[in-house]
Every structure is written in structure tokens, then in C-alpha cells.
Amino acid sequence: MSLALVHSRARAGVHAPAVRIEVLLSGGLPHTQIVGLPEAAVRESRDRVRAALVCAQFEYPQRRILINLAPADLPKEGGRFDLAIALGILAASDQIDRQLLANYEFLGELALTGELRGVDGALPAAIAAAELGRTLIVASANGAEAALAQHADVRVARTLLEVCASLESRSLPRAVPAPVVPLAVPDLRDVRGQQQARRALEVAAAGGHHLLLLGTPGCGRPCWPRACPASCPMPAKPKRWKRPPSPRAVGLASTPPAGVTARTARPTTPPAPCRWSAAARIPGPVKSRWRTTACCFWMSFPSGAGTPSKYYANRWNRER
């Protein structure tokens, strides 16, 4: 009878709870059983792990194998535990040194050929592993995401053989974050004229107020909300992330679809009696309706046609 212990991470929203994978080899007829509240994809990992070990020229033990995913009351889902289960079986059968697994955490799905595939929630797993001082090993597809936690030691691998060969030498390459490509948004310097509108936009952006744009069609209202994000200062990069962005944590797309930019005004066509107007929400904290200063101004053509430009500030009256 031999026992091996491997560390991994589950996914629970924006958190990555720790999962201890305990592999026990005992006498009896050859059989593999997984316990610890696994779903169907986790139970099917025994077939993927068997095929991956055989393709990697390892020996699959012909004994009774019991795999426990602790804690037992935490639901386990997906193929994120395949790599940890395979290493646990190899350590329990003395094909790799089980002492080398204590300072690592493993996350990845195994293909039948032994190749590592990416999973969801690599960023919260990297943050949680760094808090315990462990090294996280993920697939190459998750390297750019997990590397966003700059204080974490994240290594990437392509196959199961690479992981087994580099446990002792620590020769796996570090994860590198993807280059940041700034969005091509207009700037206030590209907008000519309308000095009153520019002043109102700067005041609203600096104070975190709401902004209402009114004017005749063609006077350039949509240009101002599009150019506002470029004039705002970039937020400071956090030294240490305590909680990752929820879209990355739950496996949603981290990049917007093609053609969609942040805070883009979408003009609509109102009924005929109404004026065309566009409203833009300036970045800032949400304020109460009774304490918000409304900056409102009219815009006109430079030639003077239409309503003359005017600017005024007002406070909401609670009695009205």
C-alpha cells in the first residue's frame, strides 16, 4: 500500500479553493475509483489519465487505485485535475519522487496523447498559490492569464513528459503576460472648437459627475464621450491582486468583441417631436440623485446656425 499527495485548485467564482488529491494504491483487482463529489467530467478523467500515461511511456499500475479529492463537500468540475491525478498515480507507484510534489500546484487537462490543455480560472489559482509560496504549473494556453499575478511563480508546460522531467531541475519556462495593446480611441486634442463643451467635459470627468449633451444634429455630440476616456489618467497598477476580475475567473472572454470599444456613445433615433440627444456616463463613483451636479450645455455649428451655445450648472431640487 502506498499513498501520494498532490495539490491543485478548484474554481468557485472569483476564488480558487485548495484541493488535495490523495492517491492510494492497494491490493485487489485492477480498478480506479474517484471520490470527493466529482461531476461527470472529473470521473471521466481516469480514462484520459490512463491513455496519457500509456502514450508517455509510463506504466499504469495494475492495482486498485483510490483517488480522493478533498475536501469532500466541495463540488469538483471540469478536467482541471487531470495533470494532478496523473502525477499522483506516478508518485504513488514510485515512478517519480513524491517529495518533489510538495512545493507545486498543478492545473491542466490532459489529452490522450499527454498534451496539456488550458482550463478556466488560472488567474485566481495563481494568486492563491502565491499566498502559500507554491509554484503553479499550468498549460501553455493559460500562461498569459496566470502571469498577470506578477508576484506568483507560474511555470508553463506543453506535455506531461515536460512536467515530470523538470520537477527536480525546475527548468520549465516562466509564464509571460501578453502584451497590452491600447485601444485606438479619439483624443480631446482632435476635437476643434466648442470650448464651453470642452470645459464642461473636463469638469464632469474631474468630479465624477453625469453629463448631458444636447444640440442640433451634426454638431458633434458623439465625439465628446468617445474622446473622454483618453483624457482620464490611467489607473495605477496594483502591487498585489486580492481578487481577480470576475470575467476571467468564471471563464468568460477577457477581450471585447471586434468593433466594440469601452464607453462608446450609441446614438438612437427618437420620435419626431423630440430632439436628438446623447447621454454619456463619465467614469467615477455612483452618486445619489439628490447630490449630483448636472452639467448641461447646448452645442451648435461653428457658423452660428441653430441655437446659440450656452452652459449652465444646476443642482437637482428634491422638492421638484
C-alpha atoms as a PDB file:
ATOM      1  CA  MET A   1       0.000   0.000   0.000  1.00  0.00           C
ATOM      2  CA  SER A   2       1.385   3.424  -0.964  1.00  0.00           C
ATOM      3  CA  LEU A   3      -0.041   6.956  -0.705  1.00  0.00           C
ATOM      4  CA  ALA A   4       0.791  10.159  -2.627  1.00  0.00           C
ATOM      5  CA  LEU A   5      -0.464  13.712  -2.159  1.00  0.00           C
ATOM      6  CA  VAL A   6      -0.732  16.378  -4.900  1.00  0.00           C
ATOM      7  CA  HIS A   7      -2.024  19.964  -4.645  1.00  0.00           C
ATOM      8  CA  SER A   8      -4.418  21.594  -7.087  1.00  0.00           C
ATOM      9  CA  ARG A   9      -7.135  24.259  -7.217  1.00  0.00           C
ATOM     10  CA  ALA A  10     -10.870  24.191  -7.864  1.00  0.00           C
ATOM     11  CA  ARG A  11     -12.947  27.067  -9.214  1.00  0.00           C
ATOM     12  CA  ALA A  12     -15.633  28.849  -7.176  1.00  0.00           C
ATOM     13  CA  GLY A  13     -16.473  32.193  -8.776  1.00  0.00           C
ATOM     14  CA  VAL A  14     -13.556  34.579  -8.209  1.00  0.00           C
ATOM     15  CA  HIS A  15     -11.960  32.253  -5.661  1.00  0.00           C
ATOM     16  CA  ALA A  16      -9.759  29.187  -6.106  1.00  0.00           C
ATOM     17  CA  PRO A  17     -10.183  26.865  -3.103  1.00  0.00           C
ATOM     18  CA  ALA A  18      -7.385  24.399  -2.470  1.00  0.00           C
ATOM     19  CA  VAL A  19      -7.925  20.737  -3.396  1.00  0.00           C
ATOM     20  CA  ARG A  20      -5.751  17.926  -2.032  1.00  0.00           C
ATOM     21  CA  ILE A  21      -5.582  14.947  -4.382  1.00  0.00           C
ATOM     22  CA  GLU A  22      -4.802  11.784  -2.429  1.00  0.00           C
ATOM     23  CA  VAL A  23      -3.907   8.689  -4.466  1.00  0.00           C
ATOM     24  CA  LEU A  24      -3.854   5.320  -2.702  1.00  0.00           C
ATOM     25  CA  LEU A  25      -2.590   2.108  -4.314  1.00  0.00           C
ATOM     26  CA  SER A  26      -3.729  -1.085  -2.626  1.00  0.00           C
ATOM     27  CA  GLY A  27      -4.073  -4.770  -3.394  1.00  0.00           C
ATOM     28  CA  GLY A  28      -7.021  -6.202  -5.246  1.00  0.00           C
ATOM     29  CA  LEU A  29      -8.415  -6.392  -8.738  1.00  0.00           C
ATOM     30  CA  PRO A  30      -7.339  -3.527 -11.048  1.00  0.00           C
ATOM     31  CA  HIS A  31      -9.876  -0.745 -10.603  1.00  0.00           C
ATOM     32  CA  THR A  32      -9.773   3.077 -10.496  1.00  0.00           C
ATOM     33  CA  GLN A  33     -12.261   4.971  -8.358  1.00  0.00           C
ATOM     34  CA  ILE A  34     -12.566   8.745  -7.840  1.00  0.00           C
ATOM     35  CA  VAL A  35     -14.378  10.082  -4.751  1.00  0.00           C
ATOM     36  CA  GLY A  36     -14.846  13.566  -3.324  1.00  0.00           C
ATOM     37  CA  LEU A  37     -18.025  14.869  -5.014  1.00  0.00           C
ATOM     38  CA  PRO A  38     -16.761  14.724  -8.643  1.00  0.00           C
ATOM     39  CA  GLU A  39     -19.005  15.522 -11.568  1.00  0.00           C
ATOM     40  CA  ALA A  40     -19.099  13.510 -14.806  1.00  0.00           C
ATOM     41  CA  ALA A  41     -16.119  15.305 -16.412  1.00  0.00           C
ATOM     42  CA  VAL A  42     -13.973  14.585 -13.341  1.00  0.00           C
ATOM     43  CA  ARG A  43     -14.974  10.911 -13.224  1.00  0.00           C
ATOM     44  CA  GLU A  44     -14.057  10.572 -16.910  1.00  0.00           C
ATOM     45  CA  SER A  45     -10.530  11.797 -16.147  1.00  0.00           C
ATOM     46  CA  ARG A  46      -9.454   8.258 -15.201  1.00  0.00           C
ATOM     47  CA  ASP A  47      -9.749   7.248 -18.873  1.00  0.00           C
ATOM     48  CA  ARG A  48      -7.880  10.335 -20.079  1.00  0.00           C
ATOM     49  CA  VAL A  49      -5.140   9.849 -17.490  1.00  0.00           C
ATOM     50  CA  ARG A  50      -4.708   6.189 -18.381  1.00  0.00           C
ATOM     51  CA  ALA A  51      -4.306   6.960 -22.093  1.00  0.00           C
ATOM     52  CA  ALA A  52      -1.931   9.875 -21.395  1.00  0.00           C
ATOM     53  CA  LEU A  53       0.326   7.763 -19.162  1.00  0.00           C
ATOM     54  CA  VAL A  54       0.499   4.960 -21.699  1.00  0.00           C
ATOM     55  CA  CYS A  55       1.315   7.373 -24.562  1.00  0.00           C
ATOM     56  CA  ALA A  56       4.050   8.964 -22.416  1.00  0.00           C
ATOM     57  CA  GLN A  57       5.686   5.527 -21.950  1.00  0.00           C
ATOM     58  CA  PHE A  58       4.774   5.309 -18.250  1.00  0.00           C
ATOM     59  CA  GLU A  59       3.376   2.223 -16.572  1.00  0.00           C
ATOM     60  CA  TYR A  60      -0.224   2.362 -15.421  1.00  0.00           C
ATOM     61  CA  PRO A  61      -0.429   0.356 -12.155  1.00  0.00           C
ATOM     62  CA  GLN A  62      -2.483  -2.814 -12.413  1.00  0.00           C
ATOM     63  CA  ARG A  63      -3.759  -2.447  -8.855  1.00  0.00           C
ATOM     64  CA  ARG A  64      -6.703  -0.978  -7.037  1.00  0.00           C
ATOM     65  CA  ILE A  65      -6.408   2.848  -7.261  1.00  0.00           C
ATOM     66  CA  LEU A  66      -8.447   5.100  -4.998  1.00  0.00           C
ATOM     67  CA  ILE A  67      -8.343   8.847  -5.754  1.00  0.00           C
ATOM     68  CA  ASN A  68      -9.792  11.203  -3.149  1.00  0.00           C
ATOM     69  CA  LEU A  69     -10.425  14.884  -3.959  1.00  0.00           C
ATOM     70  CA  ALA A  70     -10.507  16.677  -0.609  1.00  0.00           C
ATOM     71  CA  PRO A  71     -12.430  18.473   0.801  1.00  0.00           C
ATOM     72  CA  ALA A  72     -15.191  16.031   0.089  1.00  0.00           C
ATOM     73  CA  ASP A  73     -18.030  18.587   0.372  1.00  0.00           C
ATOM     74  CA  LEU A  74     -16.638  20.885  -2.359  1.00  0.00           C
ATOM     75  CA  PRO A  75     -18.056  20.173  -5.841  1.00  0.00           C
ATOM     76  CA  LYS A  76     -15.365  19.326  -8.409  1.00  0.00           C
ATOM     77  CA  GLU A  77     -15.941  20.063 -12.080  1.00  0.00           C
ATOM     78  CA  GLY A  78     -14.062  20.116 -15.380  1.00  0.00           C
ATOM     79  CA  GLY A  79     -10.801  18.495 -16.441  1.00  0.00           C
ATOM     80  CA  ARG A  80      -8.560  20.792 -14.366  1.00  0.00           C
ATOM     81  CA  PHE A  81      -7.452  17.919 -12.101  1.00  0.00           C
ATOM     82  CA  ASP A  82      -6.137  15.604 -14.856  1.00  0.00           C
ATOM     83  CA  LEU A  83      -2.494  16.633 -14.512  1.00  0.00           C
ATOM     84  CA  ALA A  84      -2.535  16.383 -10.715  1.00  0.00           C
ATOM     85  CA  ILE A  85      -4.200  12.952 -10.797  1.00  0.00           C
ATOM     86  CA  ALA A  86      -1.650  11.638 -13.295  1.00  0.00           C
ATOM     87  CA  LEU A  87       1.263  12.872 -11.175  1.00  0.00           C
ATOM     88  CA  GLY A  88      -0.325  11.381  -8.066  1.00  0.00           C
ATOM     89  CA  ILE A  89      -0.537   7.969  -9.711  1.00  0.00           C
ATOM     90  CA  LEU A  90       3.096   8.200 -10.841  1.00  0.00           C
ATOM     91  CA  ALA A  91       4.227   9.232  -7.345  1.00  0.00           C
ATOM     92  CA  ALA A  92       2.224   6.505  -5.609  1.00  0.00           C
ATOM     93  CA  SER A  93       3.744   3.883  -7.937  1.00  0.00           C
ATOM     94  CA  ASP A  94       7.287   5.244  -7.294  1.00  0.00           C
ATOM     95  CA  GLN A  95       7.852   6.303 -10.894  1.00  0.00           C
ATOM     96  CA  ILE A  96       8.625   9.874  -9.749  1.00  0.00           C
ATOM     97  CA  ASP A  97       9.810  11.223  -6.404  1.00  0.00           C
ATOM     98  CA  ARG A  98       6.757  12.113  -4.312  1.00  0.00           C
ATOM     99  CA  GLN A  99       8.766  14.571  -2.197  1.00  0.00           C
ATOM    100  CA  LEU A 100       9.161  16.873  -5.193  1.00  0.00           C
ATOM    101  CA  LEU A 101       5.416  17.495  -5.397  1.00  0.00           C
ATOM    102  CA  ALA A 102       5.109  19.275  -2.047  1.00  0.00           C
ATOM    103  CA  ASN A 103       6.045  22.751  -3.328  1.00  0.00           C
ATOM    104  CA  TYR A 104       3.982  22.663  -6.512  1.00  0.00           C
ATOM    105  CA  GLU A 105       0.371  23.085  -7.551  1.00  0.00           C
ATOM    106  CA  PHE A 106      -0.855  21.652 -10.842  1.00  0.00           C
ATOM    107  CA  LEU A 107      -3.666  22.774 -13.105  1.00  0.00           C
ATOM    108  CA  GLY A 108      -4.407  21.383 -16.549  1.00  0.00           C
ATOM    109  CA  GLU A 109      -6.408  18.979 -18.658  1.00  0.00           C
ATOM    110  CA  LEU A 110      -4.704  16.037 -20.333  1.00  0.00           C
ATOM    111  CA  ALA A 111      -5.236  14.975 -23.907  1.00  0.00           C
ATOM    112  CA  LEU A 112      -4.983  11.297 -24.835  1.00  0.00           C
ATOM    113  CA  THR A 113      -1.500  11.982 -26.224  1.00  0.00           C
ATOM    114  CA  GLY A 114      -0.269  13.547 -22.971  1.00  0.00           C
ATOM    115  CA  GLU A 115      -0.556  17.140 -24.182  1.00  0.00           C
ATOM    116  CA  LEU A 116      -1.697  19.774 -21.688  1.00  0.00           C
ATOM    117  CA  ARG A 117      -4.790  21.838 -22.446  1.00  0.00           C
ATOM    118  CA  GLY A 118      -5.887  25.090 -20.850  1.00  0.00           C
ATOM    119  CA  VAL A 119      -8.649  25.411 -18.258  1.00  0.00           C
ATOM    120  CA  ASP A 120     -10.707  28.247 -16.820  1.00  0.00           C
ATOM    121  CA  GLY A 121      -9.766  30.220 -13.737  1.00  0.00           C
ATOM    122  CA  ALA A 122      -5.963  30.169 -13.952  1.00  0.00           C
ATOM    123  CA  LEU A 123      -5.586  33.713 -12.606  1.00  0.00           C
ATOM    124  CA  PRO A 124      -7.268  33.175  -9.198  1.00  0.00           C
ATOM    125  CA  ALA A 125      -5.368  29.889  -8.876  1.00  0.00           C
ATOM    126  CA  ALA A 126      -2.057  31.717  -9.411  1.00  0.00           C
ATOM    127  CA  ILE A 127      -2.937  34.332  -6.784  1.00  0.00           C
ATOM    128  CA  ALA A 128      -3.927  31.697  -4.226  1.00  0.00           C
ATOM    129  CA  ALA A 129      -0.826  29.586  -4.903  1.00  0.00           C
ATOM    130  CA  ALA A 130       1.453  32.598  -4.409  1.00  0.00           C
ATOM    131  CA  GLU A 131      -0.066  33.298  -0.997  1.00  0.00           C
ATOM    132  CA  LEU A 132       1.115  29.853   0.139  1.00  0.00           C
ATOM    133  CA  GLY A 133       4.523  30.177  -1.514  1.00  0.00           C
ATOM    134  CA  ARG A 134       3.977  27.381  -4.025  1.00  0.00           C
ATOM    135  CA  THR A 135       4.824  27.224  -7.720  1.00  0.00           C
ATOM    136  CA  LEU A 136       1.904  26.807 -10.096  1.00  0.00           C
ATOM    137  CA  ILE A 137       2.339  24.703 -13.243  1.00  0.00           C
ATOM    138  CA  VAL A 138      -0.234  25.299 -15.974  1.00  0.00           C
ATOM    139  CA  ALA A 139      -0.634  24.619 -19.670  1.00  0.00           C
ATOM    140  CA  SER A 140       0.869  26.977 -22.214  1.00  0.00           C
ATOM    141  CA  ALA A 141      -2.612  28.201 -23.112  1.00  0.00           C
ATOM    142  CA  ASN A 142      -3.070  29.572 -19.565  1.00  0.00           C
ATOM    143  CA  GLY A 143       0.382  31.131 -19.228  1.00  0.00           C
ATOM    144  CA  ALA A 144      -0.539  34.668 -20.315  1.00  0.00           C
ATOM    145  CA  GLU A 145      -3.546  34.766 -17.993  1.00  0.00           C
ATOM    146  CA  ALA A 146      -1.788  33.356 -14.927  1.00  0.00           C
ATOM    147  CA  ALA A 147       1.209  35.665 -15.449  1.00  0.00           C
ATOM    148  CA  LEU A 148      -0.974  38.678 -14.636  1.00  0.00           C
ATOM    149  CA  ALA A 149      -0.301  37.841 -10.983  1.00  0.00           C
ATOM    150  CA  GLN A 150       3.219  39.259 -11.063  1.00  0.00           C
ATOM    151  CA  HIS A 151       4.081  38.145  -7.541  1.00  0.00           C
ATOM    152  CA  ALA A 152       3.314  34.497  -8.376  1.00  0.00           C
ATOM    153  CA  ASP A 153       5.774  31.889  -9.644  1.00  0.00           C
ATOM    154  CA  VAL A 154       3.967  30.401 -12.631  1.00  0.00           C
ATOM    155  CA  ARG A 155       5.558  27.843 -14.981  1.00  0.00           C
ATOM    156  CA  VAL A 156       4.160  26.599 -18.274  1.00  0.00           C
ATOM    157  CA  ALA A 157       4.455  23.181 -19.892  1.00  0.00           C
ATOM    158  CA  ARG A 158       3.236  21.611 -23.099  1.00  0.00           C
ATOM    159  CA  THR A 159       3.146  17.913 -22.211  1.00  0.00           C
ATOM    160  CA  LEU A 160       3.080  15.583 -19.252  1.00  0.00           C
ATOM    161  CA  LEU A 161       6.632  14.456 -20.030  1.00  0.00           C
ATOM    162  CA  GLU A 162       7.922  18.016 -19.685  1.00  0.00           C
ATOM    163  CA  VAL A 163       6.382  18.318 -16.236  1.00  0.00           C
ATOM    164  CA  CYS A 164       7.853  15.030 -14.996  1.00  0.00           C
ATOM    165  CA  ALA A 165      11.315  15.762 -16.416  1.00  0.00           C
ATOM    166  CA  SER A 166      11.560  19.248 -14.872  1.00  0.00           C
ATOM    167  CA  LEU A 167      10.230  18.694 -11.351  1.00  0.00           C
ATOM    168  CA  GLU A 168      13.703  18.335  -9.896  1.00  0.00           C
ATOM    169  CA  SER A 169      15.598  20.765 -12.121  1.00  0.00           C
ATOM    170  CA  ARG A 170      12.851  23.446 -12.212  1.00  0.00           C
ATOM    171  CA  SER A 171      13.673  24.049 -15.858  1.00  0.00           C
ATOM    172  CA  LEU A 172      10.169  24.914 -17.021  1.00  0.00           C
ATOM    173  CA  PRO A 173       9.908  28.415 -18.527  1.00  0.00           C
ATOM    174  CA  ARG A 174       8.129  31.142 -16.625  1.00  0.00           C
ATOM    175  CA  ALA A 175       4.767  32.397 -17.805  1.00  0.00           C
ATOM    176  CA  VAL A 176       4.890  35.723 -19.671  1.00  0.00           C
ATOM    177  CA  PRO A 177       1.875  38.057 -19.808  1.00  0.00           C
ATOM    178  CA  ALA A 178       0.502  39.030 -23.193  1.00  0.00           C
ATOM    179  CA  PRO A 179       1.471  42.492 -24.467  1.00  0.00           C
ATOM    180  CA  VAL A 180      -1.079  45.192 -23.730  1.00  0.00           C
ATOM    181  CA  VAL A 181      -2.437  46.813 -26.895  1.00  0.00           C
ATOM    182  CA  PRO A 182      -4.086  50.184 -26.138  1.00  0.00           C
ATOM    183  CA  LEU A 183      -7.463  50.835 -27.699  1.00  0.00           C
ATOM    184  CA  ALA A 184      -7.498  53.354 -30.523  1.00  0.00           C
ATOM    185  CA  VAL A 185      -9.837  55.985 -29.057  1.00  0.00           C
ATOM    186  CA  PRO A 186     -10.136  59.650 -30.090  1.00  0.00           C
ATOM    187  CA  ASP A 187      -8.442  62.319 -28.007  1.00  0.00           C
ATOM    188  CA  LEU A 188      -9.696  65.731 -26.959  1.00  0.00           C
ATOM    189  CA  ARG A 189      -6.891  67.351 -28.932  1.00  0.00           C
ATOM    190  CA  ASP A 190      -8.521  66.038 -32.112  1.00  0.00           C
ATOM    191  CA  VAL A 191     -11.731  67.995 -31.450  1.00  0.00           C
ATOM    192  CA  ARG A 192     -11.665  71.614 -32.646  1.00  0.00           C
ATOM    193  CA  GLY A 193     -13.829  74.407 -31.254  1.00  0.00           C
ATOM    194  CA  GLN A 194     -16.619  74.077 -28.690  1.00  0.00           C
ATOM    195  CA  GLN A 195     -14.579  75.472 -25.826  1.00  0.00           C
ATOM    196  CA  GLN A 196     -17.572  75.544 -23.482  1.00  0.00           C
ATOM    197  CA  ALA A 197     -18.317  71.904 -24.181  1.00  0.00           C
ATOM    198  CA  ARG A 198     -14.667  71.016 -23.577  1.00  0.00           C
ATOM    199  CA  ARG A 199     -14.719  72.855 -20.235  1.00  0.00           C
ATOM    200  CA  ALA A 200     -17.921  71.109 -19.137  1.00  0.00           C
ATOM    201  CA  LEU A 201     -16.478  67.724 -20.063  1.00  0.00           C
ATOM    202  CA  GLU A 202     -13.303  68.348 -18.073  1.00  0.00           C
ATOM    203  CA  VAL A 203     -15.280  69.451 -15.011  1.00  0.00           C
ATOM    204  CA  ALA A 204     -17.594  66.432 -15.194  1.00  0.00           C
ATOM    205  CA  ALA A 205     -14.704  63.999 -15.678  1.00  0.00           C
ATOM    206  CA  ALA A 206     -12.698  65.502 -12.802  1.00  0.00           C
ATOM    207  CA  GLY A 207     -15.625  65.457 -10.366  1.00  0.00           C
ATOM    208  CA  GLY A 208     -17.208  62.168 -11.455  1.00  0.00           C
ATOM    209  CA  HIS A 209     -20.482  63.861 -12.459  1.00  0.00           C
ATOM    210  CA  HIS A 210     -23.070  62.902 -15.033  1.00  0.00           C
ATOM    211  CA  LEU A 211     -23.054  64.683 -18.371  1.00  0.00           C
ATOM    212  CA  LEU A 212     -25.925  65.529 -20.731  1.00  0.00           C
ATOM    213  CA  LEU A 213     -25.264  66.649 -24.332  1.00  0.00           C
ATOM    214  CA  LEU A 214     -27.992  68.496 -26.236  1.00  0.00           C
ATOM    215  CA  GLY A 215     -27.887  70.148 -29.634  1.00  0.00           C
ATOM    216  CA  THR A 216     -28.831  70.073 -33.279  1.00  0.00           C
ATOM    217  CA  PRO A 217     -27.898  67.072 -35.456  1.00  0.00           C
ATOM    218  CA  GLY A 218     -24.385  67.191 -36.869  1.00  0.00           C
ATOM    219  CA  CYS A 219     -22.821  69.418 -34.214  1.00  0.00           C
ATOM    220  CA  GLY A 220     -20.502  66.641 -32.991  1.00  0.00           C
ATOM    221  CA  ARG A 221     -22.053  65.345 -29.775  1.00  0.00           C
ATOM    222  CA  PRO A 222     -20.832  61.726 -30.118  1.00  0.00           C
ATOM    223  CA  CYS A 223     -17.206  62.905 -30.388  1.00  0.00           C
ATOM    224  CA  TRP A 224     -17.067  64.107 -26.787  1.00  0.00           C
ATOM    225  CA  PRO A 225     -17.974  60.921 -24.894  1.00  0.00           C
ATOM    226  CA  ARG A 226     -15.679  58.917 -27.201  1.00  0.00           C
ATOM    227  CA  ALA A 227     -12.753  61.237 -26.500  1.00  0.00           C
ATOM    228  CA  CYS A 228     -13.302  61.371 -22.742  1.00  0.00           C
ATOM    229  CA  PRO A 229     -11.550  58.067 -21.757  1.00  0.00           C
ATOM    230  CA  ALA A 230      -8.348  59.195 -23.464  1.00  0.00           C
ATOM    231  CA  SER A 231      -8.189  62.316 -21.272  1.00  0.00           C
ATOM    232  CA  CYS A 232      -8.634  60.425 -17.994  1.00  0.00           C
ATOM    233  CA  PRO A 233      -5.467  59.221 -16.195  1.00  0.00           C
ATOM    234  CA  MET A 234      -4.656  55.531 -16.296  1.00  0.00           C
ATOM    235  CA  PRO A 235      -5.330  53.697 -13.024  1.00  0.00           C
ATOM    236  CA  ALA A 236      -2.313  52.671 -11.004  1.00  0.00           C
ATOM    237  CA  LYS A 237      -1.283  49.031 -11.369  1.00  0.00           C
ATOM    238  CA  PRO A 238      -1.957  47.122  -8.139  1.00  0.00           C
ATOM    239  CA  LYS A 239       1.113  45.735  -6.436  1.00  0.00           C
ATOM    240  CA  ARG A 240      -0.771  42.647  -5.338  1.00  0.00           C
ATOM    241  CA  TRP A 241      -4.158  41.472  -6.503  1.00  0.00           C
ATOM    242  CA  LYS A 242      -6.512  40.225  -3.828  1.00  0.00           C
ATOM    243  CA  ARG A 243      -9.399  39.436  -6.161  1.00  0.00           C
ATOM    244  CA  PRO A 244      -9.187  38.948  -9.941  1.00  0.00           C
ATOM    245  CA  PRO A 245     -11.672  40.319 -12.472  1.00  0.00           C
ATOM    246  CA  SER A 246     -14.770  38.188 -12.484  1.00  0.00           C
ATOM    247  CA  PRO A 247     -14.917  37.579 -16.295  1.00  0.00           C
ATOM    248  CA  ARG A 248     -11.509  35.855 -16.182  1.00  0.00           C
ATOM    249  CA  ALA A 249     -12.406  33.921 -13.065  1.00  0.00           C
ATOM    250  CA  VAL A 250     -15.607  32.436 -14.429  1.00  0.00           C
ATOM    251  CA  GLY A 251     -14.100  31.671 -17.831  1.00  0.00           C
ATOM    252  CA  LEU A 252     -15.740  34.382 -19.918  1.00  0.00           C
ATOM    253  CA  ALA A 253     -13.978  36.215 -22.728  1.00  0.00           C
ATOM    254  CA  SER A 254     -11.494  38.738 -21.361  1.00  0.00           C
ATOM    255  CA  THR A 255     -11.399  40.824 -24.562  1.00  0.00           C
ATOM    256  CA  PRO A 256     -14.378  42.686 -26.059  1.00  0.00           C
ATOM    257  CA  PRO A 257     -15.770  41.574 -29.422  1.00  0.00           C
ATOM    258  CA  ALA A 258     -14.389  43.122 -32.571  1.00  0.00           C
ATOM    259  CA  GLY A 259     -15.632  46.636 -33.195  1.00  0.00           C
ATOM    260  CA  VAL A 260     -16.746  47.265 -29.618  1.00  0.00           C
ATOM    261  CA  THR A 261     -14.896  49.862 -27.550  1.00  0.00           C
ATOM    262  CA  ALA A 262     -15.408  50.929 -23.966  1.00  0.00           C
ATOM    263  CA  ARG A 263     -17.780  53.828 -23.216  1.00  0.00           C
ATOM    264  CA  THR A 264     -18.861  54.307 -26.819  1.00  0.00           C
ATOM    265  CA  ALA A 265     -21.897  56.517 -27.355  1.00  0.00           C
ATOM    266  CA  ARG A 266     -24.696  54.848 -29.299  1.00  0.00           C
ATOM    267  CA  PRO A 267     -26.998  57.492 -30.823  1.00  0.00           C
ATOM    268  CA  THR A 268     -30.563  56.435 -31.356  1.00  0.00           C
ATOM    269  CA  THR A 269     -33.396  57.914 -33.384  1.00  0.00           C
ATOM    270  CA  PRO A 270     -36.149  59.318 -31.113  1.00  0.00           C
ATOM    271  CA  PRO A 271     -39.673  60.211 -32.185  1.00  0.00           C
ATOM    272  CA  ALA A 272     -40.105  63.252 -34.416  1.00  0.00           C
ATOM    273  CA  PRO A 273     -41.211  65.791 -31.728  1.00  0.00           C
ATOM    274  CA  CYS A 274     -38.070  65.079 -29.612  1.00  0.00           C
ATOM    275  CA  ARG A 275     -34.599  66.455 -30.136  1.00  0.00           C
ATOM    276  CA  TRP A 276     -31.742  64.087 -30.906  1.00  0.00           C
ATOM    277  CA  SER A 277     -29.627  63.718 -27.760  1.00  0.00           C
ATOM    278  CA  ALA A 278     -26.858  61.517 -26.390  1.00  0.00           C
ATOM    279  CA  ALA A 279     -26.011  60.869 -22.761  1.00  0.00           C
ATOM    280  CA  ALA A 280     -22.615  59.605 -21.617  1.00  0.00           C
ATOM    281  CA  ARG A 281     -21.707  58.286 -18.201  1.00  0.00           C
ATOM    282  CA  ILE A 282     -18.343  59.702 -17.164  1.00  0.00           C
ATOM    283  CA  PRO A 283     -16.096  57.287 -15.217  1.00  0.00           C
ATOM    284  CA  GLY A 284     -16.414  57.812 -11.485  1.00  0.00           C
ATOM    285  CA  PRO A 285     -18.241  56.672  -8.378  1.00  0.00           C
ATOM    286  CA  VAL A 286     -22.005  56.306  -8.462  1.00  0.00           C
ATOM    287  CA  LYS A 287     -23.589  59.302  -6.753  1.00  0.00           C
ATOM    288  CA  SER A 288     -27.021  59.866  -5.270  1.00  0.00           C
ATOM    289  CA  ARG A 289     -29.650  61.589  -7.394  1.00  0.00           C
ATOM    290  CA  TRP A 290     -30.114  64.329  -4.822  1.00  0.00           C
ATOM    291  CA  ARG A 291     -26.408  65.168  -4.519  1.00  0.00           C
ATOM    292  CA  THR A 292     -25.386  65.026  -8.180  1.00  0.00           C
ATOM    293  CA  THR A 293     -24.465  68.183 -10.088  1.00  0.00           C
ATOM    294  CA  ALA A 294     -25.837  68.100 -13.629  1.00  0.00           C
ATOM    295  CA  CYS A 295     -23.601  69.770 -16.219  1.00  0.00           C
ATOM    296  CA  CYS A 296     -25.753  70.605 -19.239  1.00  0.00           C
ATOM    297  CA  PHE A 297     -24.845  72.610 -22.312  1.00  0.00           C
ATOM    298  CA  TRP A 298     -26.061  73.265 -25.857  1.00  0.00           C
ATOM    299  CA  MET A 299     -23.875  72.753 -28.894  1.00  0.00           C
ATOM    300  CA  SER A 300     -24.180  74.449 -32.261  1.00  0.00           C
ATOM    301  CA  PHE A 301     -22.351  74.694 -35.563  1.00  0.00           C
ATOM    302  CA  PRO A 302     -19.287  76.958 -35.735  1.00  0.00           C
ATOM    303  CA  SER A 303     -21.073  79.067 -38.345  1.00  0.00           C
ATOM    304  CA  GLY A 304     -23.613  80.165 -35.746  1.00  0.00           C
ATOM    305  CA  ALA A 305     -26.590  78.333 -37.221  1.00  0.00           C
ATOM    306  CA  GLY A 306     -29.017  76.869 -34.759  1.00  0.00           C
ATOM    307  CA  THR A 307     -29.349  77.636 -31.099  1.00  0.00           C
ATOM    308  CA  PRO A 308     -26.592  79.819 -29.571  1.00  0.00           C
ATOM    309  CA  SER A 309     -24.218  77.945 -27.300  1.00  0.00           C
ATOM    310  CA  LYS A 310     -24.753  78.298 -23.585  1.00  0.00           C
ATOM    311  CA  TYR A 311     -23.555  76.485 -20.490  1.00  0.00           C
ATOM    312  CA  TYR A 312     -25.031  76.358 -17.052  1.00  0.00           C
ATOM    313  CA  ALA A 313     -24.757  74.228 -13.908  1.00  0.00           C
ATOM    314  CA  ASN A 314     -27.670  73.322 -11.692  1.00  0.00           C
ATOM    315  CA  ARG A 315     -28.456  71.129  -8.717  1.00  0.00           C
ATOM    316  CA  TRP A 316     -31.377  68.782  -8.509  1.00  0.00           C
ATOM    317  CA  ASN A 317     -34.190  70.103  -6.338  1.00  0.00           C
ATOM    318  CA  ARG A 318     -35.553  67.421  -4.063  1.00  0.00           C
ATOM    319  CA  GLU A 319     -38.970  69.080  -3.759  1.00  0.00           C
ATOM    320  CA  ARG A 320     -39.439  69.024  -7.544  1.00  0.00           C
END
